[in-house]
């Protein structure tokens, strides 16, 4: 079965943006492309028209409604989208074909994380870091957004910040449904801080939620992998943590470390951090294994 086109690609985003205004026949073409991207990438315009139950004229108008000059440009964009979507699969298949021990795989995976962490450290700018921590300390409401692997980083950050801050720390997760996250973002306003976390392949939901909060006046701190990330274009401040992996779509290790560093910096700057930790430790005394 052909995989559906991932919503993180430019082509899928164009279709999603145009879909509400498409005619019925254009939607048939769009639905076929989204559900059968691999087949579509090898089809002529006549083939797509036949398989989608439309006409060549309809397909031409459809691809132009997406902003492409013609079918050739559209199919090139589709091939590029598939390359992004299938890159982790190709990487894993290639790695499995190379002779090597399980031990070597483990060592190489850890080396990848070591390189990511070293690069994350090298990209830190003192001014940006100071502004980011200052925003965390001064904001009365902090919304944290992340999905996929970033969801776990967001949960860790929420737990750490809630311990040391008087601010309301809100994990605006979409895992319980997009309406839940949207309601949180609709309540943001000037003076609030949104910490948005996303790694390749970037979550469209996270980007859209961040943009919604930005439009409502919130300050945005992004934790992402590179300046080319869509979050970096929305953020007032960005802290970078590379997420490269030889086998997996991404690796959250450096992003976890960055989140941990943020919590550590906040704890150091809070004058009552020691008392807060002491109180927590006393309350949890009998829950620890001695």
C-alpha atoms as a PDB file:
ATOM      1  CA  UNK A   1       0.000   0.000   0.000  1.00  0.00           C
ATOM      2  CA  UNK A   2       1.314   3.434  -0.901  1.00  0.00           C
ATOM      3  CA  UNK A   3       1.936   5.680   2.132  1.00  0.00           C
ATOM      4  CA  UNK A   4       0.015   8.919   2.391  1.00  0.00           C
ATOM      5  CA  UNK A   5       1.858  12.168   1.809  1.00  0.00           C
ATOM      6  CA  UNK A   6       3.196  13.473   5.113  1.00  0.00           C
ATOM      7  CA  UNK A   7       1.707  16.820   6.234  1.00  0.00           C
ATOM      8  CA  UNK A   8       5.165  18.237   6.986  1.00  0.00           C
ATOM      9  CA  UNK A   9       6.089  18.759   3.315  1.00  0.00           C
ATOM     10  CA  UNK A  10       5.609  21.950   1.312  1.00  0.00           C
ATOM     11  CA  UNK A  11       3.388  20.200  -1.236  1.00  0.00           C
ATOM     12  CA  UNK A  12       1.079  18.802   1.449  1.00  0.00           C
ATOM     13  CA  UNK A  13       0.908  22.231   3.082  1.00  0.00           C
ATOM     14  CA  UNK A  14      -0.039  23.831  -0.249  1.00  0.00           C
ATOM     15  CA  UNK A  15      -2.804  21.294  -0.777  1.00  0.00           C
ATOM     16  CA  UNK A  16      -4.102  21.819   2.762  1.00  0.00           C
ATOM     17  CA  UNK A  17      -4.166  25.603   2.302  1.00  0.00           C
ATOM     18  CA  UNK A  18      -5.956  25.414  -1.040  1.00  0.00           C
ATOM     19  CA  UNK A  19      -8.309  22.517  -0.228  1.00  0.00           C
ATOM     20  CA  UNK A  20     -11.243  24.520   1.229  1.00  0.00           C
ATOM     21  CA  UNK A  21     -11.509  26.560  -1.987  1.00  0.00           C
ATOM     22  CA  UNK A  22     -11.067  23.657  -4.432  1.00  0.00           C
ATOM     23  CA  UNK A  23     -13.921  22.454  -6.622  1.00  0.00           C
ATOM     24  CA  UNK A  24     -15.219  18.908  -6.321  1.00  0.00           C
ATOM     25  CA  UNK A  25     -13.149  17.617  -9.244  1.00  0.00           C
ATOM     26  CA  UNK A  26     -10.023  19.376  -7.988  1.00  0.00           C
ATOM     27  CA  UNK A  27     -10.560  17.762  -4.599  1.00  0.00           C
ATOM     28  CA  UNK A  28     -10.697  14.349  -6.248  1.00  0.00           C
ATOM     29  CA  UNK A  29      -7.291  15.018  -7.750  1.00  0.00           C
ATOM     30  CA  UNK A  30      -5.972  16.290  -4.415  1.00  0.00           C
ATOM     31  CA  UNK A  31      -7.319  13.274  -2.524  1.00  0.00           C
ATOM     32  CA  UNK A  32      -5.695  10.882  -4.980  1.00  0.00           C
ATOM     33  CA  UNK A  33      -2.322  12.635  -4.703  1.00  0.00           C
ATOM     34  CA  UNK A  34      -2.413  12.659  -0.901  1.00  0.00           C
ATOM     35  CA  UNK A  35      -3.336   8.997  -0.666  1.00  0.00           C
ATOM     36  CA  UNK A  36      -1.142   7.744  -3.521  1.00  0.00           C
ATOM     37  CA  UNK A  37       1.981   9.925  -3.700  1.00  0.00           C
ATOM     38  CA  UNK A  38       4.348   7.172  -4.852  1.00  0.00           C
ATOM     39  CA  UNK A  39       2.054   6.194  -7.728  1.00  0.00           C
ATOM     40  CA  UNK A  40       1.452   9.833  -8.679  1.00  0.00           C
ATOM     41  CA  UNK A  41       5.183  10.599  -8.858  1.00  0.00           C
ATOM     42  CA  UNK A  42       5.553   8.176 -11.791  1.00  0.00           C
ATOM     43  CA  UNK A  43       2.349   9.127 -13.643  1.00  0.00           C
ATOM     44  CA  UNK A  44       1.883  11.284 -16.671  1.00  0.00           C
ATOM     45  CA  UNK A  45      -0.768  13.974 -16.489  1.00  0.00           C
ATOM     46  CA  UNK A  46      -3.055  11.672 -18.469  1.00  0.00           C
ATOM     47  CA  UNK A  47      -2.474   8.874 -15.969  1.00  0.00           C
ATOM     48  CA  UNK A  48      -3.344  11.064 -12.994  1.00  0.00           C
ATOM     49  CA  UNK A  49      -6.465  12.327 -14.736  1.00  0.00           C
ATOM     50  CA  UNK A  50      -7.626   8.778 -15.452  1.00  0.00           C
ATOM     51  CA  UNK A  51      -6.864   7.373 -11.997  1.00  0.00           C
ATOM     52  CA  UNK A  52      -8.448  10.308 -10.174  1.00  0.00           C
ATOM     53  CA  UNK A  53     -11.544  10.320 -12.351  1.00  0.00           C
ATOM     54  CA  UNK A  54     -10.924  13.793 -13.706  1.00  0.00           C
ATOM     55  CA  UNK A  55      -9.489  15.252 -16.921  1.00  0.00           C
ATOM     56  CA  UNK A  56      -6.118  16.602 -18.018  1.00  0.00           C
ATOM     57  CA  UNK A  57      -7.573  20.116 -18.031  1.00  0.00           C
ATOM     58  CA  UNK A  58      -8.742  19.641 -14.439  1.00  0.00           C
ATOM     59  CA  UNK A  59      -5.327  18.352 -13.359  1.00  0.00           C
ATOM     60  CA  UNK A  60      -3.649  21.334 -15.014  1.00  0.00           C
ATOM     61  CA  UNK A  61      -5.932  23.774 -13.213  1.00  0.00           C
ATOM     62  CA  UNK A  62      -5.430  21.862  -9.972  1.00  0.00           C
ATOM     63  CA  UNK A  63      -1.613  22.078 -10.021  1.00  0.00           C
ATOM     64  CA  UNK A  64      -1.785  25.760 -10.962  1.00  0.00           C
ATOM     65  CA  UNK A  65      -4.100  26.413  -8.013  1.00  0.00           C
ATOM     66  CA  UNK A  66      -1.264  25.110  -5.827  1.00  0.00           C
ATOM     67  CA  UNK A  67       1.110  27.690  -7.268  1.00  0.00           C
ATOM     68  CA  UNK A  68       2.968  25.495  -9.779  1.00  0.00           C
ATOM     69  CA  UNK A  69       3.521  26.605 -13.363  1.00  0.00           C
ATOM     70  CA  UNK A  70       2.693  23.211 -14.783  1.00  0.00           C
ATOM     71  CA  UNK A  71       2.471  19.474 -14.221  1.00  0.00           C
ATOM     72  CA  UNK A  72       6.234  18.966 -14.567  1.00  0.00           C
ATOM     73  CA  UNK A  73       6.970  21.412 -11.751  1.00  0.00           C
ATOM     74  CA  UNK A  74       4.264  19.803  -9.627  1.00  0.00           C
ATOM     75  CA  UNK A  75       5.692  16.325 -10.114  1.00  0.00           C
ATOM     76  CA  UNK A  76       9.198  17.568  -9.275  1.00  0.00           C
ATOM     77  CA  UNK A  77       7.828  18.995  -6.017  1.00  0.00           C
ATOM     78  CA  UNK A  78       6.135  15.683  -5.289  1.00  0.00           C
ATOM     79  CA  UNK A  79       9.394  13.814  -5.844  1.00  0.00           C
ATOM     80  CA  UNK A  80      11.160  16.209  -3.458  1.00  0.00           C
ATOM     81  CA  UNK A  81       8.434  15.674  -0.837  1.00  0.00           C
ATOM     82  CA  UNK A  82       8.776  11.912  -1.149  1.00  0.00           C
ATOM     83  CA  UNK A  83      12.547  12.185  -0.764  1.00  0.00           C
ATOM     84  CA  UNK A  84      12.057  13.981   2.556  1.00  0.00           C
ATOM     85  CA  UNK A  85       9.411  11.525   3.721  1.00  0.00           C
ATOM     86  CA  UNK A  86      11.380   8.424   2.788  1.00  0.00           C
ATOM     87  CA  UNK A  87      14.851   9.602   3.866  1.00  0.00           C
ATOM     88  CA  UNK A  88      14.718   7.823   7.251  1.00  0.00           C
ATOM     89  CA  UNK A  89      13.589   4.600   5.587  1.00  0.00           C
ATOM     90  CA  UNK A  90      16.390   4.795   3.026  1.00  0.00           C
ATOM     91  CA  UNK A  91      18.909   5.602   5.749  1.00  0.00           C
ATOM     92  CA  UNK A  92      17.848   2.655   7.877  1.00  0.00           C
ATOM     93  CA  UNK A  93      17.878   0.302   4.894  1.00  0.00           C
ATOM     94  CA  UNK A  94      21.342   1.500   3.901  1.00  0.00           C
ATOM     95  CA  UNK A  95      22.703   1.127   7.417  1.00  0.00           C
ATOM     96  CA  UNK A  96      21.325  -2.398   7.733  1.00  0.00           C
ATOM     97  CA  UNK A  97      23.058  -3.333   4.499  1.00  0.00           C
ATOM     98  CA  UNK A  98      26.459  -2.322   5.893  1.00  0.00           C
ATOM     99  CA  UNK A  99      28.279  -5.024   7.806  1.00  0.00           C
ATOM    100  CA  UNK A 100      28.783  -4.212  11.475  1.00  0.00           C
ATOM    101  CA  UNK A 101      28.113  -5.443  14.970  1.00  0.00           C
ATOM    102  CA  UNK A 102      25.326  -4.434  17.320  1.00  0.00           C
ATOM    103  CA  UNK A 103      28.003  -2.976  19.584  1.00  0.00           C
ATOM    104  CA  UNK A 104      29.288  -0.769  16.742  1.00  0.00           C
ATOM    105  CA  UNK A 105      25.749   0.456  16.110  1.00  0.00           C
ATOM    106  CA  UNK A 106      25.365   1.454  19.757  1.00  0.00           C
ATOM    107  CA  UNK A 107      28.724   3.234  19.798  1.00  0.00           C
ATOM    108  CA  UNK A 108      27.994   5.101  16.568  1.00  0.00           C
ATOM    109  CA  UNK A 109      24.575   6.169  17.844  1.00  0.00           C
ATOM    110  CA  UNK A 110      26.165   7.608  20.984  1.00  0.00           C
ATOM    111  CA  UNK A 111      28.803   9.361  18.888  1.00  0.00           C
ATOM    112  CA  UNK A 112      26.035  10.955  16.848  1.00  0.00           C
ATOM    113  CA  UNK A 113      24.554  12.342  20.062  1.00  0.00           C
ATOM    114  CA  UNK A 114      27.969  13.512  21.222  1.00  0.00           C
ATOM    115  CA  UNK A 115      28.378  15.440  17.968  1.00  0.00           C
ATOM    116  CA  UNK A 116      24.883  16.920  18.248  1.00  0.00           C
ATOM    117  CA  UNK A 117      25.546  18.071  21.795  1.00  0.00           C
ATOM    118  CA  UNK A 118      28.931  19.572  20.896  1.00  0.00           C
ATOM    119  CA  UNK A 119      27.364  21.496  18.035  1.00  0.00           C
ATOM    120  CA  UNK A 120      24.522  22.689  20.271  1.00  0.00           C
ATOM    121  CA  UNK A 121      27.079  24.132  22.684  1.00  0.00           C
ATOM    122  CA  UNK A 122      29.032  25.800  19.892  1.00  0.00           C
ATOM    123  CA  UNK A 123      25.933  27.582  18.536  1.00  0.00           C
ATOM    124  CA  UNK A 124      24.936  29.142  21.876  1.00  0.00           C
ATOM    125  CA  UNK A 125      25.067  32.937  21.997  1.00  0.00           C
ATOM    126  CA  UNK A 126      25.298  34.561  25.417  1.00  0.00           C
ATOM    127  CA  UNK A 127      22.957  37.403  24.532  1.00  0.00           C
ATOM    128  CA  UNK A 128      20.230  35.111  23.226  1.00  0.00           C
ATOM    129  CA  UNK A 129      20.575  32.763  26.202  1.00  0.00           C
ATOM    130  CA  UNK A 130      20.307  35.663  28.662  1.00  0.00           C
ATOM    131  CA  UNK A 131      17.192  36.992  26.936  1.00  0.00           C
ATOM    132  CA  UNK A 132      15.626  33.530  26.873  1.00  0.00           C
ATOM    133  CA  UNK A 133      16.160  32.823  30.568  1.00  0.00           C
ATOM    134  CA  UNK A 134      15.049  36.344  31.465  1.00  0.00           C
ATOM    135  CA  UNK A 135      11.812  35.794  29.520  1.00  0.00           C
ATOM    136  CA  UNK A 136      11.213  32.505  31.341  1.00  0.00           C
ATOM    137  CA  UNK A 137      11.788  34.137  34.740  1.00  0.00           C
ATOM    138  CA  UNK A 138       9.591  37.186  34.079  1.00  0.00           C
ATOM    139  CA  UNK A 139       6.616  35.624  32.261  1.00  0.00           C
ATOM    140  CA  UNK A 140       3.523  34.976  34.341  1.00  0.00           C
ATOM    141  CA  UNK A 141       2.227  32.321  31.986  1.00  0.00           C
ATOM    142  CA  UNK A 142       4.389  29.906  30.004  1.00  0.00           C
ATOM    143  CA  UNK A 143       2.900  27.655  27.319  1.00  0.00           C
ATOM    144  CA  UNK A 144       4.990  24.712  26.107  1.00  0.00           C
ATOM    145  CA  UNK A 145       4.231  23.129  22.728  1.00  0.00           C
ATOM    146  CA  UNK A 146       5.712  19.971  21.181  1.00  0.00           C
ATOM    147  CA  UNK A 147       4.606  16.788  19.458  1.00  0.00           C
ATOM    148  CA  UNK A 148       6.201  13.506  18.432  1.00  0.00           C
ATOM    149  CA  UNK A 149       9.616  13.107  20.063  1.00  0.00           C
ATOM    150  CA  UNK A 150       9.417  16.784  21.021  1.00  0.00           C
ATOM    151  CA  UNK A 151       6.334  15.961  23.112  1.00  0.00           C
ATOM    152  CA  UNK A 152       8.573  14.163  25.613  1.00  0.00           C
ATOM    153  CA  UNK A 153      11.048  17.063  25.730  1.00  0.00           C
ATOM    154  CA  UNK A 154       8.122  19.437  26.318  1.00  0.00           C
ATOM    155  CA  UNK A 155       6.808  17.273  29.170  1.00  0.00           C
ATOM    156  CA  UNK A 156      10.246  17.218  30.800  1.00  0.00           C
ATOM    157  CA  UNK A 157      10.589  20.991  30.467  1.00  0.00           C
ATOM    158  CA  UNK A 158       7.116  21.585  31.887  1.00  0.00           C
ATOM    159  CA  UNK A 159       7.855  19.473  34.962  1.00  0.00           C
ATOM    160  CA  UNK A 160      11.201  21.165  35.586  1.00  0.00           C
ATOM    161  CA  UNK A 161       9.980  24.740  35.165  1.00  0.00           C
ATOM    162  CA  UNK A 162       6.863  24.168  37.267  1.00  0.00           C
ATOM    163  CA  UNK A 163       9.099  23.211  40.198  1.00  0.00           C
ATOM    164  CA  UNK A 164      11.113  26.445  40.226  1.00  0.00           C
ATOM    165  CA  UNK A 165       8.718  29.091  38.903  1.00  0.00           C
ATOM    166  CA  UNK A 166       5.735  30.884  40.389  1.00  0.00           C
ATOM    167  CA  UNK A 167       4.415  31.326  36.861  1.00  0.00           C
ATOM    168  CA  UNK A 168       1.627  29.169  35.491  1.00  0.00           C
ATOM    169  CA  UNK A 169       3.366  26.574  33.295  1.00  0.00           C
ATOM    170  CA  UNK A 170       0.970  25.040  30.779  1.00  0.00           C
ATOM    171  CA  UNK A 171       1.771  22.023  28.617  1.00  0.00           C
ATOM    172  CA  UNK A 172      -0.348  22.786  25.556  1.00  0.00           C
ATOM    173  CA  UNK A 173      -0.219  19.237  24.228  1.00  0.00           C
ATOM    174  CA  UNK A 174      -2.229  18.233  21.167  1.00  0.00           C
ATOM    175  CA  UNK A 175      -2.079  14.533  22.083  1.00  0.00           C
ATOM    176  CA  UNK A 176      -5.432  14.783  23.826  1.00  0.00           C
ATOM    177  CA  UNK A 177      -6.890  16.412  20.715  1.00  0.00           C
ATOM    178  CA  UNK A 178      -6.100  19.510  18.646  1.00  0.00           C
ATOM    179  CA  UNK A 179      -9.008  21.414  20.191  1.00  0.00           C
ATOM    180  CA  UNK A 180      -7.301  21.231  23.596  1.00  0.00           C
ATOM    181  CA  UNK A 181      -4.089  22.799  22.284  1.00  0.00           C
ATOM    182  CA  UNK A 182      -5.916  25.413  20.205  1.00  0.00           C
ATOM    183  CA  UNK A 183      -7.937  26.540  23.238  1.00  0.00           C
ATOM    184  CA  UNK A 184      -4.705  27.109  25.134  1.00  0.00           C
ATOM    185  CA  UNK A 185      -3.165  29.101  22.288  1.00  0.00           C
ATOM    186  CA  UNK A 186      -6.331  31.161  21.854  1.00  0.00           C
ATOM    187  CA  UNK A 187      -5.914  32.344  25.443  1.00  0.00           C
ATOM    188  CA  UNK A 188      -2.366  33.658  24.939  1.00  0.00           C
ATOM    189  CA  UNK A 189      -1.680  37.378  24.992  1.00  0.00           C
ATOM    190  CA  UNK A 190       1.116  39.893  25.323  1.00  0.00           C
ATOM    191  CA  UNK A 191       3.253  39.074  28.344  1.00  0.00           C
ATOM    192  CA  UNK A 192       2.911  35.317  27.873  1.00  0.00           C
ATOM    193  CA  UNK A 193       5.797  33.125  26.739  1.00  0.00           C
ATOM    194  CA  UNK A 194       5.421  30.203  24.348  1.00  0.00           C
ATOM    195  CA  UNK A 195       8.242  27.655  24.269  1.00  0.00           C
ATOM    196  CA  UNK A 196       7.861  25.777  20.983  1.00  0.00           C
ATOM    197  CA  UNK A 197       9.865  22.612  20.329  1.00  0.00           C
ATOM    198  CA  UNK A 198      10.189  20.820  16.998  1.00  0.00           C
ATOM    199  CA  UNK A 199      12.795  18.761  15.166  1.00  0.00           C
ATOM    200  CA  UNK A 200      12.875  17.418  11.615  1.00  0.00           C
ATOM    201  CA  UNK A 201      10.488  16.396  10.278  1.00  0.00           C
ATOM    202  CA  UNK A 202       8.836  19.502  11.689  1.00  0.00           C
ATOM    203  CA  UNK A 203       5.345  19.246  13.148  1.00  0.00           C
ATOM    204  CA  UNK A 204       2.892  21.312  11.181  1.00  0.00           C
ATOM    205  CA  UNK A 205       0.624  21.430  14.238  1.00  0.00           C
ATOM    206  CA  UNK A 206       3.373  22.894  16.421  1.00  0.00           C
ATOM    207  CA  UNK A 207       4.177  25.543  13.818  1.00  0.00           C
ATOM    208  CA  UNK A 208       0.524  26.530  13.425  1.00  0.00           C
ATOM    209  CA  UNK A 209      -0.066  26.704  17.193  1.00  0.00           C
ATOM    210  CA  UNK A 210       3.055  28.830  17.599  1.00  0.00           C
ATOM    211  CA  UNK A 211       1.965  31.160  14.823  1.00  0.00           C
ATOM    212  CA  UNK A 212      -1.452  31.529  16.458  1.00  0.00           C
ATOM    213  CA  UNK A 213       0.140  32.541  19.764  1.00  0.00           C
ATOM    214  CA  UNK A 214       2.528  34.900  17.969  1.00  0.00           C
ATOM    215  CA  UNK A 215      -0.378  36.641  16.270  1.00  0.00           C
ATOM    216  CA  UNK A 216      -1.997  37.131  19.683  1.00  0.00           C
ATOM    217  CA  UNK A 217       1.070  38.942  21.026  1.00  0.00           C
ATOM    218  CA  UNK A 218       2.892  36.194  22.916  1.00  0.00           C
ATOM    219  CA  UNK A 219       6.685  36.035  22.975  1.00  0.00           C
ATOM    220  CA  UNK A 220       8.096  32.883  21.352  1.00  0.00           C
ATOM    221  CA  UNK A 221      11.170  30.930  22.415  1.00  0.00           C
ATOM    222  CA  UNK A 222      11.954  28.135  19.948  1.00  0.00           C
ATOM    223  CA  UNK A 223      13.975  25.000  20.623  1.00  0.00           C
ATOM    224  CA  UNK A 224      14.792  23.555  17.225  1.00  0.00           C
ATOM    225  CA  UNK A 225      17.652  22.185  15.167  1.00  0.00           C
ATOM    226  CA  UNK A 226      18.657  24.858  12.636  1.00  0.00           C
ATOM    227  CA  UNK A 227      17.956  28.379  11.308  1.00  0.00           C
ATOM    228  CA  UNK A 228      16.078  26.788   8.405  1.00  0.00           C
ATOM    229  CA  UNK A 229      13.439  25.411  10.793  1.00  0.00           C
ATOM    230  CA  UNK A 230       9.987  26.996  10.316  1.00  0.00           C
ATOM    231  CA  UNK A 231       9.945  27.703  14.052  1.00  0.00           C
ATOM    232  CA  UNK A 232      13.076  29.851  13.783  1.00  0.00           C
ATOM    233  CA  UNK A 233      11.223  32.215  11.443  1.00  0.00           C
ATOM    234  CA  UNK A 234       8.465  32.730  14.031  1.00  0.00           C
ATOM    235  CA  UNK A 235      10.566  32.953  17.171  1.00  0.00           C
ATOM    236  CA  UNK A 236      11.722  36.034  19.054  1.00  0.00           C
ATOM    237  CA  UNK A 237      14.575  33.886  20.431  1.00  0.00           C
ATOM    238  CA  UNK A 238      15.875  30.533  19.212  1.00  0.00           C
ATOM    239  CA  UNK A 239      18.130  27.991  20.876  1.00  0.00           C
ATOM    240  CA  UNK A 240      19.504  25.370  18.509  1.00  0.00           C
ATOM    241  CA  UNK A 241      20.050  21.674  19.182  1.00  0.00           C
ATOM    242  CA  UNK A 242      20.957  19.495  16.172  1.00  0.00           C
ATOM    243  CA  UNK A 243      18.888  16.312  15.907  1.00  0.00           C
ATOM    244  CA  UNK A 244      20.858  14.301  13.341  1.00  0.00           C
ATOM    245  CA  UNK A 245      20.845  10.510  13.449  1.00  0.00           C
ATOM    246  CA  UNK A 246      22.266   7.973  11.013  1.00  0.00           C
ATOM    247  CA  UNK A 247      19.277   5.667  11.297  1.00  0.00           C
ATOM    248  CA  UNK A 248      16.332   7.523  12.795  1.00  0.00           C
ATOM    249  CA  UNK A 249      14.262  10.457  11.473  1.00  0.00           C
ATOM    250  CA  UNK A 250      15.669  12.574  14.300  1.00  0.00           C
ATOM    251  CA  UNK A 251      17.213  12.320  17.750  1.00  0.00           C
ATOM    252  CA  UNK A 252      15.951  14.351  20.732  1.00  0.00           C
ATOM    253  CA  UNK A 253      19.060  13.866  22.899  1.00  0.00           C
ATOM    254  CA  UNK A 254      20.583  17.320  22.399  1.00  0.00           C
ATOM    255  CA  UNK A 255      17.154  18.945  22.704  1.00  0.00           C
ATOM    256  CA  UNK A 256      16.617  17.135  26.012  1.00  0.00           C
ATOM    257  CA  UNK A 257      20.009  18.406  27.170  1.00  0.00           C
ATOM    258  CA  UNK A 258      19.069  21.941  26.144  1.00  0.00           C
ATOM    259  CA  UNK A 259      15.784  21.697  28.075  1.00  0.00           C
ATOM    260  CA  UNK A 260      17.708  20.428  31.094  1.00  0.00           C
ATOM    261  CA  UNK A 261      20.136  23.344  30.802  1.00  0.00           C
ATOM    262  CA  UNK A 262      17.212  25.814  30.738  1.00  0.00           C
ATOM    263  CA  UNK A 263      15.760  24.329  33.933  1.00  0.00           C
ATOM    264  CA  UNK A 264      19.215  24.423  35.558  1.00  0.00           C
ATOM    265  CA  UNK A 265      19.723  28.084  34.635  1.00  0.00           C
ATOM    266  CA  UNK A 266      16.271  28.991  35.943  1.00  0.00           C
ATOM    267  CA  UNK A 267      16.910  27.152  39.215  1.00  0.00           C
ATOM    268  CA  UNK A 268      20.187  29.016  39.687  1.00  0.00           C
ATOM    269  CA  UNK A 269      18.575  32.403  39.087  1.00  0.00           C
ATOM    270  CA  UNK A 270      15.649  31.806  41.439  1.00  0.00           C
ATOM    271  CA  UNK A 271      16.531  33.056  44.949  1.00  0.00           C
ATOM    272  CA  UNK A 272      14.097  30.608  46.552  1.00  0.00           C
ATOM    273  CA  UNK A 273      15.073  27.585  44.432  1.00  0.00           C
ATOM    274  CA  UNK A 274      16.810  25.853  47.343  1.00  0.00           C
ATOM    275  CA  UNK A 275      13.746  26.217  49.560  1.00  0.00           C
ATOM    276  CA  UNK A 276      11.451  24.975  46.776  1.00  0.00           C
ATOM    277  CA  UNK A 277      13.588  21.868  46.261  1.00  0.00           C
ATOM    278  CA  UNK A 278      13.866  21.299  50.008  1.00  0.00           C
ATOM    279  CA  UNK A 279      10.095  21.442  50.417  1.00  0.00           C
ATOM    280  CA  UNK A 280       9.575  19.014  47.554  1.00  0.00           C
ATOM    281  CA  UNK A 281      12.191  16.607  48.910  1.00  0.00           C
ATOM    282  CA  UNK A 282      10.619  16.646  52.378  1.00  0.00           C
ATOM    283  CA  UNK A 283       7.163  15.953  50.958  1.00  0.00           C
ATOM    284  CA  UNK A 284       8.488  13.071  48.875  1.00  0.00           C
ATOM    285  CA  UNK A 285      10.831  11.692  51.535  1.00  0.00           C
ATOM    286  CA  UNK A 286       9.033   8.392  52.046  1.00  0.00           C
ATOM    287  CA  UNK A 287       8.528   7.766  48.335  1.00  0.00           C
ATOM    288  CA  UNK A 288      12.229   7.202  47.656  1.00  0.00           C
ATOM    289  CA  UNK A 289      13.897   3.811  47.772  1.00  0.00           C
ATOM    290  CA  UNK A 290      16.566   3.815  50.461  1.00  0.00           C
END
